[in-house]
Protein backbone atom coordinates (compact mmCIF):
# COMPACT_ATOMS: atom_id res chain seq x y z
CA MET A 1 3.86 -6.02 -27.01
CA LEU A 2 3.65 -8.35 -23.86
CA SER A 3 6.61 -10.11 -22.67
CA ARG A 4 6.88 -13.72 -22.95
CA SER A 5 6.77 -14.27 -19.34
CA PHE A 6 3.47 -12.57 -19.20
CA LEU A 7 2.16 -14.80 -21.70
CA ARG A 8 3.78 -18.06 -20.37
CA PRO A 9 1.28 -21.02 -19.74
CA GLY A 10 -0.37 -20.81 -16.30
CA PHE A 11 0.19 -17.07 -15.93
CA PHE A 12 -3.03 -15.73 -17.51
CA PRO A 13 -5.46 -17.76 -15.24
CA VAL A 14 -3.73 -16.36 -12.36
CA PHE A 15 -3.68 -12.93 -13.65
CA ALA A 16 -7.33 -12.99 -14.61
CA ALA A 17 -8.31 -14.04 -11.17
CA PHE A 18 -6.23 -11.10 -9.82
CA VAL A 19 -7.77 -8.51 -12.09
CA PHE A 20 -11.28 -9.86 -11.44
CA ALA A 21 -10.63 -9.59 -7.53
CA ALA A 22 -9.46 -6.16 -7.95
CA ALA A 23 -12.46 -5.07 -9.95
CA THR A 24 -14.85 -6.61 -7.13
CA VAL A 25 -12.82 -5.71 -4.01
CA GLY A 26 -14.13 -2.21 -3.75
CA ALA A 27 -17.73 -3.46 -3.64
CA ALA A 28 -16.92 -5.12 -0.34
CA GLU A 29 -18.47 -3.65 2.95
CA PRO A 30 -16.08 -1.47 4.66
CA VAL A 31 -14.49 -3.03 7.84
CA ALA A 32 -12.57 -0.89 10.25
CA PRO A 33 -9.39 -2.93 10.95
CA ALA A 34 -6.82 -2.52 13.78
CA GLU A 35 -3.95 -0.18 12.89
CA PRO A 36 -1.35 -2.11 11.29
CA LYS A 37 2.14 -2.41 12.59
CA ILE A 38 4.15 0.26 10.53
CA ALA A 39 7.40 -1.64 11.53
CA ALA A 40 6.67 -4.15 8.90
CA VAL A 41 7.28 -1.78 5.93
CA ILE A 42 10.36 0.07 7.50
CA LEU A 43 13.31 -1.72 5.89
CA SER A 44 16.21 0.37 7.15
CA PRO A 45 18.03 -0.96 10.33
CA ASP A 46 18.91 2.61 11.37
CA GLU A 47 17.19 3.08 14.54
CA ALA A 48 16.94 6.92 14.13
CA VAL A 49 15.21 6.24 10.60
CA GLN A 50 12.93 3.84 12.12
CA LYS A 51 11.93 6.47 14.95
CA GLU A 52 11.29 9.13 12.22
CA LEU A 53 9.08 7.11 10.24
CA GLU A 54 7.15 5.58 13.00
CA GLU A 55 6.39 9.28 14.24
CA LEU A 56 5.36 10.09 10.83
CA ASP A 57 2.98 7.34 10.55
CA ARG A 58 1.38 8.31 13.84
CA LEU A 59 1.01 11.97 12.59
CA LEU A 60 -0.40 10.82 9.15
CA VAL A 61 -3.24 9.06 11.13
CA VAL A 62 -4.21 12.41 12.59
CA ASN A 63 -3.37 14.63 9.46
CA PRO A 64 -3.90 12.30 6.59
CA LYS A 65 -3.76 15.38 4.06
CA PHE A 66 -0.12 15.36 4.63
CA GLU A 67 0.41 12.00 3.16
CA GLU A 68 -0.74 12.83 -0.44
CA ILE A 69 1.33 16.17 -0.33
CA LEU A 70 4.55 14.30 0.70
CA ARG A 71 4.02 11.29 -1.54
CA ALA A 72 3.46 13.41 -4.51
CA ASN A 73 6.50 15.69 -3.81
CA ILE A 74 8.79 13.03 -2.35
CA ASP A 75 11.77 14.03 -4.60
CA ARG A 76 11.34 17.80 -3.82
CA LEU A 77 10.94 18.04 -0.27
CA GLU A 78 13.65 20.30 0.27
CA ALA A 79 12.73 22.54 -2.62
CA GLU A 80 12.08 26.19 -1.68
CA ALA A 81 9.17 26.46 -4.07
CA PHE A 82 7.62 23.38 -2.48
CA ARG A 83 8.05 24.70 0.92
CA LYS A 84 6.43 27.94 0.00
CA ALA A 85 3.50 26.21 -1.63
CA PHE A 86 2.89 24.04 1.50
CA PRO A 87 3.65 26.18 4.63
CA ASP A 88 2.15 23.63 6.87
CA VAL A 89 4.34 20.93 5.50
CA ASP A 90 7.18 23.35 5.62
CA VAL A 91 6.73 23.78 9.49
CA LEU A 92 6.58 20.04 9.88
CA LEU A 93 9.79 19.43 8.11
CA THR A 94 11.45 22.40 9.91
CA GLN A 95 10.33 20.93 13.17
CA LYS A 96 11.57 17.32 12.33
CA PRO A 97 14.81 17.89 10.29
CA GLY A 98 15.63 13.98 10.47
CA LEU A 99 12.37 13.49 8.42
CA VAL A 100 13.68 14.38 4.97
CA PRO A 101 16.94 12.34 5.35
CA ALA A 102 14.71 9.31 6.57
CA LEU A 103 12.40 9.52 3.49
CA LYS A 104 15.31 9.74 1.16
CA MET A 105 16.72 6.57 2.73
CA GLU A 106 13.14 4.89 2.76
CA ARG A 107 12.22 6.44 -0.69
CA HIS A 108 9.03 4.15 -1.08
CA PHE A 109 7.98 4.30 2.42
CA LEU A 110 4.58 6.03 1.64
CA ILE A 111 3.70 3.46 -1.04
CA HIS A 112 4.48 0.62 1.37
CA ARG A 113 2.43 2.37 4.12
CA TYR A 114 -0.39 2.44 1.69
CA VAL A 115 -0.18 -1.17 0.76
CA LEU A 116 0.03 -2.01 4.39
CA ARG A 117 -3.03 -0.29 5.30
CA ARG A 118 -4.97 -1.88 2.62
CA ALA A 119 -3.64 -5.34 3.27
CA ARG A 120 -6.28 -7.91 4.77
CA GLY A 121 -3.37 -9.79 6.42
CA PRO A 122 0.28 -9.59 7.70
CA LEU A 123 2.81 -8.54 5.02
CA LEU A 124 5.82 -10.92 4.74
CA ARG A 125 9.26 -9.19 4.92
CA PRO A 126 10.52 -10.98 1.77
CA ASP A 127 7.68 -9.66 -0.14
CA VAL A 128 8.04 -6.15 1.10
CA LEU A 129 11.78 -6.23 0.24
CA ALA A 130 11.02 -7.73 -3.24
CA PHE A 131 8.36 -5.00 -3.83
CA ASP A 132 10.68 -2.33 -2.71
CA LYS A 133 13.40 -3.68 -5.16
CA PHE A 134 10.53 -3.70 -7.96
CA LEU A 135 9.88 -0.06 -7.27
CA THR A 136 13.46 0.88 -7.62
CA VAL A 137 13.81 -0.77 -10.83
CA HIS A 138 10.39 0.26 -12.29
CA ALA A 139 10.68 4.11 -11.68
CA ASP A 140 7.62 4.62 -14.24
CA ILE A 141 5.22 2.53 -12.17
CA ARG A 142 6.62 4.00 -8.87
CA ARG A 143 6.07 7.65 -10.16
CA GLU A 144 2.43 6.86 -10.89
CA LEU A 145 1.88 5.25 -7.68
CA ASP A 146 3.40 8.08 -6.03
CA ARG A 147 0.56 10.04 -7.56
CA ASP A 148 -2.00 7.69 -6.69
CA PRO A 149 -1.22 4.33 -4.97
CA ALA A 150 -4.79 3.30 -5.16
CA GLN A 151 -4.01 2.31 -8.79
CA ILE A 152 -2.32 -0.83 -7.47
CA LEU A 153 -5.80 -2.44 -7.08
CA ASP A 154 -6.85 -1.40 -10.40
CA GLY A 155 -7.25 -4.17 -12.93
CA LYS A 156 -6.74 -1.56 -15.90
CA PHE A 157 -3.60 -0.28 -14.31
CA LEU A 158 -2.22 -4.01 -13.90
CA VAL A 159 -3.30 -4.59 -17.70
CA ALA A 160 -1.42 -1.44 -18.68
CA HIS A 161 1.83 -2.43 -16.59
CA PRO A 162 2.26 -6.19 -17.24
CA SER A 163 5.51 -6.25 -15.24
CA LEU A 164 3.62 -5.40 -12.13
CA ALA A 165 0.97 -7.98 -12.77
CA GLU A 166 3.82 -10.61 -13.30
CA PHE A 167 5.39 -9.29 -10.04
CA PHE A 168 1.97 -10.24 -8.10
CA ASP A 169 1.94 -13.58 -10.02
CA GLN A 170 5.24 -14.19 -8.58
CA HIS A 171 4.33 -13.11 -5.07
CA PRO A 172 0.87 -14.55 -4.41
CA GLY A 173 1.17 -13.96 -0.81
CA LEU A 174 1.12 -10.04 -1.29
CA SER A 175 -1.44 -10.19 -3.90
CA THR A 176 -3.63 -12.40 -1.74
CA VAL A 177 -3.36 -10.02 1.40
CA LEU A 178 -4.22 -6.98 -0.74
CA LEU A 179 -7.33 -8.49 -2.49
CA GLU A 180 -8.92 -11.03 -0.25
CA LYS A 181 -12.13 -10.03 1.36
CA LYS A 182 -12.06 -10.00 5.20
CA ALA A 183 -14.12 -12.82 6.44
CA ARG A 184 -17.35 -11.99 8.27
CA PRO A 185 -17.25 -12.71 12.14
CA ALA A 186 -19.13 -16.07 12.94
CA VAL A 187 -22.66 -15.46 14.32
CA PRO A 188 -22.98 -17.59 17.61
CA GLN A 189 -25.52 -20.45 17.35
CA ASN A 190 -27.98 -18.84 20.00
CA LYS A 191 -28.04 -15.80 18.10
CA LYS A 192 -28.96 -17.68 15.02
CA ALA A 193 -31.64 -19.49 16.84
CA GLU A 194 -33.00 -16.13 17.97
CA SER A 195 -32.86 -14.71 14.50
CA SER A 196 -34.74 -17.74 12.88
CA GLY A 197 -37.29 -17.73 15.69
CA SER A 198 -38.12 -13.85 15.12
CA GLU A 199 -38.77 -14.56 11.56
CA LYS A 200 -41.40 -17.06 12.24
């Protein structure tokens, strides 16, 4: 049964618009954005943790296959069985001993990183902090996003998890930057004139 807050007046229109946008955002033409600033989703004030995660972010740009492995096994990075199953990751974590403690402190870093890289605009610090708290409280949703963070843009996933839909309803700034389509660059007037002249 859905919660009362999910069914309160005014919620459904916002939620419906969110689900519709989630269903259509994948149809937009891909645009190559500039690399987002990872500092926006690093919450720890510890400079050592910040440095480890910034270096990890750069590594994952070059080796994206590591991200899925780390995210799906975030709670067992020190397990011997995991290290044996993924020797390349074992080498990485051995060479960077500060990385596991950093990921323990920033448990949701890889989910936040996914959101940051899919956002169509800057993420506000209060929204990131609120989402981090939400993931801590809703461990079931966190585990599913660890497996596949792309679900956060799936309307069916939001319907199945009304608490997440309600969170986006309460934080429209975050849902907006995740789902709005990037504006096409304006065409200079002289280019428009040339184009219309060539069609004659």
